[in-house]
Amino acid sequence: MLCLASAPAWAATATTTFAVSATVQATCTVSATAMAFGTYIPTAASTNTSTVSVTCTNTTPYTLGLNAGLNGTVTARAMKSGAVLLNYGLFTDSGHTTNFATLASANGTGSAVVTTVYGQVPAAQYVTPGAYSDTITATVTY
């Protein structure tokens, strides 16, 4: 009978460490919903809302601004059909009293911060019937 000798029990280990690092860059994203006023009847103001969502890295300071659109100024925005303008306003409040140009600075939370934009087409604009539109750009500066 053949007898095998046992292997020596001398297992050893060696360890090391290594550094792991990352730099988080401040970043923000922005998205918005459309604002459709529907059919405008000049005898009454038409209102609607849009929401603008801003997601920034935590504690990143930012401001949110809305431009003048394609046909007016930030205090006198207008939709256009052909050469005809239909005035409207964008506001920070549901009472339509504070024009929305640039909001005060805020800080990112790492989650979406949703801002409501309140729109109003004032009454008594007896313009040519047609489809009116404008494009607003929302800008986050951080």
Foldseek 3Di string as FASTA:
>chain_A
DDDDDDDDPDDDDDDDDDDDDDDDDKDKDKDKDDWDQPDDDQAFKTKTKMKMKMAIDFFAKKKKFKAQWDDGGQQWHWWDDPHDTFTKFKAQDQVPDHGTGMDDIDTHHRGIDMGMIMMMRGHDDPDDDDDTDTDMDMDMDD
